[in-house]
Amino acid sequence: MATAAEGLPEAGAQPAKQDPVVETAEEAKEPAEADINELCKDMFNKMATYLTGELTATSEDYKLLENMNKLTSLKYLEMKDIAINISRNLKDLNQKYAALQPYLEQINLIEEQVAALEQAAYKLDAYSKKLEAKYKKLEKR
């Protein structure tokens, strides 16, 4: 029972005053025609200034893009020239390599022959040492 009474206001307490705020409306008055014309001219002048600024900014943006496109085009032309030079140099290197190819094959062949001669020299050295050992052995007898 005590819990139900907690949410209710006390019997002796007065409710809070709620004074409604009364707003008074003023009669809408039309400004004089001269004022309307002046306000319209002022509005159109400000709108013209705003639009001029917007169009100027847009025009400058397009000029900037145009300059950027020109610079990019020049860079691409430079890159094209560099690529052409690289291609030409690569062709020259390939031609020089093709001209050197027979000599490179001869060098490989000579290298193989030198390796074979070296093996033969080792075998001959080993055989000569064997013969020398046999000769010394026979000489001792």
Protein backbone atom coordinates (compact mmCIF):
# COMPACT_ATOMS: atom_id res chain seq x y z
CA MET A 1 0.00 0.00 0.00
CA ALA A 2 2.90 2.33 0.69
CA THR A 3 4.31 1.69 -2.76
CA ALA A 4 1.11 2.71 -4.51
CA ALA A 5 1.03 6.00 -2.68
CA GLU A 6 4.58 6.88 -3.66
CA GLY A 7 3.72 7.71 -7.25
CA LEU A 8 0.72 9.89 -6.34
CA PRO A 9 1.00 13.55 -5.27
CA GLU A 10 0.28 14.34 -1.69
CA ALA A 11 -3.25 15.29 -0.87
CA GLY A 12 -2.27 18.69 0.49
CA ALA A 13 0.07 19.61 -2.40
CA GLN A 14 -1.11 21.96 -5.13
CA PRO A 15 -0.54 21.09 -8.78
CA ALA A 16 2.08 23.15 -10.62
CA LYS A 17 0.68 26.19 -12.45
CA GLN A 18 0.70 25.90 -16.16
CA ASP A 19 0.12 29.32 -17.66
CA PRO A 20 -0.50 29.05 -21.35
CA VAL A 21 1.66 31.42 -23.35
CA VAL A 22 -0.53 33.52 -25.51
CA GLU A 23 0.99 34.75 -28.69
CA THR A 24 -0.44 37.72 -30.41
CA ALA A 25 -0.38 37.87 -34.15
CA GLU A 26 0.46 41.05 -35.88
CA GLU A 27 -1.24 41.99 -39.03
CA ALA A 28 0.90 41.28 -42.05
CA LYS A 29 1.61 44.46 -43.85
CA GLU A 30 2.73 44.52 -47.44
CA PRO A 31 5.80 46.63 -47.98
CA ALA A 32 5.48 49.54 -50.26
CA GLU A 33 5.88 48.83 -53.96
CA ALA A 34 9.07 50.86 -54.12
CA ASP A 35 10.52 48.69 -51.36
CA ILE A 36 9.53 45.52 -53.24
CA ASN A 37 11.18 46.76 -56.42
CA GLU A 38 14.31 47.72 -54.50
CA LEU A 39 14.42 44.33 -52.73
CA CYS A 40 13.94 42.50 -56.05
CA LYS A 41 16.75 44.49 -57.68
CA ASP A 42 18.98 43.78 -54.69
CA MET A 43 18.10 40.06 -54.82
CA PHE A 44 18.78 39.85 -58.57
CA ASN A 45 22.09 41.71 -58.18
CA LYS A 46 23.20 39.37 -55.41
CA MET A 47 22.04 36.33 -57.40
CA ALA A 48 23.95 37.61 -60.44
CA THR A 49 27.07 38.09 -58.32
CA TYR A 50 26.70 34.58 -56.88
CA LEU A 51 26.16 32.97 -60.28
CA THR A 52 29.05 34.93 -61.78
CA GLY A 53 31.28 33.63 -59.00
CA GLU A 54 30.10 30.06 -59.54
CA LEU A 55 30.63 30.29 -63.31
CA THR A 56 34.06 31.85 -62.82
CA ALA A 57 35.08 29.07 -60.45
CA THR A 58 33.81 26.44 -62.88
CA SER A 59 35.62 28.12 -65.76
CA GLU A 60 38.86 28.19 -63.77
CA ASP A 61 38.40 24.51 -62.92
CA TYR A 62 38.04 23.70 -66.61
CA LYS A 63 41.14 25.77 -67.44
CA LEU A 64 43.08 23.89 -64.77
CA LEU A 65 41.89 20.55 -66.19
CA GLU A 66 42.87 21.68 -69.67
CA ASN A 67 46.38 22.59 -68.48
CA MET A 68 46.68 19.29 -66.65
CA ASN A 69 45.60 17.42 -69.80
CA LYS A 70 48.19 19.29 -71.88
CA LEU A 71 50.95 18.47 -69.40
CA THR A 72 49.85 14.84 -69.25
CA SER A 73 49.86 14.67 -73.04
CA LEU A 74 53.41 16.04 -73.13
CA LYS A 75 54.52 13.49 -70.53
CA TYR A 76 52.98 10.69 -72.58
CA LEU A 77 54.82 11.94 -75.67
CA GLU A 78 58.08 11.91 -73.73
CA MET A 79 57.35 8.39 -72.50
CA LYS A 80 56.57 7.32 -76.07
CA ASP A 81 59.93 8.69 -77.27
CA ILE A 82 61.71 6.90 -74.43
CA ALA A 83 59.92 3.64 -75.29
CA ILE A 84 60.87 4.01 -78.96
CA ASN A 85 64.53 4.58 -78.00
CA ILE A 86 64.48 1.55 -75.69
CA SER A 87 62.95 -0.57 -78.45
CA ARG A 88 65.56 0.60 -80.95
CA ASN A 89 68.41 -0.09 -78.50
CA LEU A 90 66.98 -3.53 -77.73
CA LYS A 91 66.87 -4.36 -81.44
CA ASP A 92 70.50 -3.22 -81.79
CA LEU A 93 71.54 -5.38 -78.84
CA ASN A 94 69.72 -8.38 -80.30
CA GLN A 95 71.47 -7.86 -83.64
CA LYS A 96 74.86 -7.59 -81.95
CA TYR A 97 74.16 -10.72 -79.93
CA ALA A 98 73.15 -12.55 -83.10
CA ALA A 99 76.40 -11.40 -84.75
CA LEU A 100 78.40 -12.65 -81.74
CA GLN A 101 76.58 -15.97 -81.55
CA PRO A 102 79.01 -17.91 -83.81
CA TYR A 103 81.96 -16.67 -81.73
CA LEU A 104 80.17 -17.64 -78.51
CA GLU A 105 79.61 -21.13 -79.93
CA GLN A 106 83.30 -21.35 -80.82
CA ILE A 107 84.22 -20.28 -77.28
CA ASN A 108 81.96 -23.01 -75.86
CA LEU A 109 83.51 -25.59 -78.18
CA ILE A 110 87.05 -24.51 -77.21
CA GLU A 111 86.08 -24.68 -73.54
CA GLU A 112 84.86 -28.25 -73.99
CA GLN A 113 88.07 -29.20 -75.83
CA VAL A 114 90.22 -27.59 -73.11
CA ALA A 115 88.33 -29.55 -70.46
CA ALA A 116 88.89 -32.77 -72.46
CA LEU A 117 92.62 -31.95 -72.85
CA GLU A 118 92.88 -31.27 -69.14
CA GLN A 119 91.37 -34.67 -68.35
CA ALA A 120 93.76 -36.28 -70.82
CA ALA A 121 96.67 -34.46 -69.19
CA TYR A 122 95.62 -35.75 -65.74
CA LYS A 123 95.33 -39.29 -67.10
CA LEU A 124 98.71 -38.98 -68.82
CA ASP A 125 100.26 -37.66 -65.61
CA ALA A 126 98.80 -40.52 -63.61
CA TYR A 127 100.01 -43.05 -66.22
CA SER A 128 103.48 -41.53 -66.30
CA LYS A 129 103.69 -41.73 -62.49
CA LYS A 130 102.67 -45.38 -62.70
CA LEU A 131 105.32 -46.05 -65.31
CA GLU A 132 107.91 -44.24 -63.27
CA ALA A 133 107.00 -46.30 -60.24
CA LYS A 134 107.29 -49.53 -62.28
CA TYR A 135 110.62 -48.41 -63.71
CA LYS A 136 112.01 -47.71 -60.27
CA LYS A 137 110.69 -51.02 -59.08
CA LEU A 138 112.37 -52.84 -61.98
CA GLU A 139 115.57 -50.90 -61.49
CA LYS A 140 115.81 -52.02 -57.88
CA ARG A 141 115.66 -55.67 -58.87
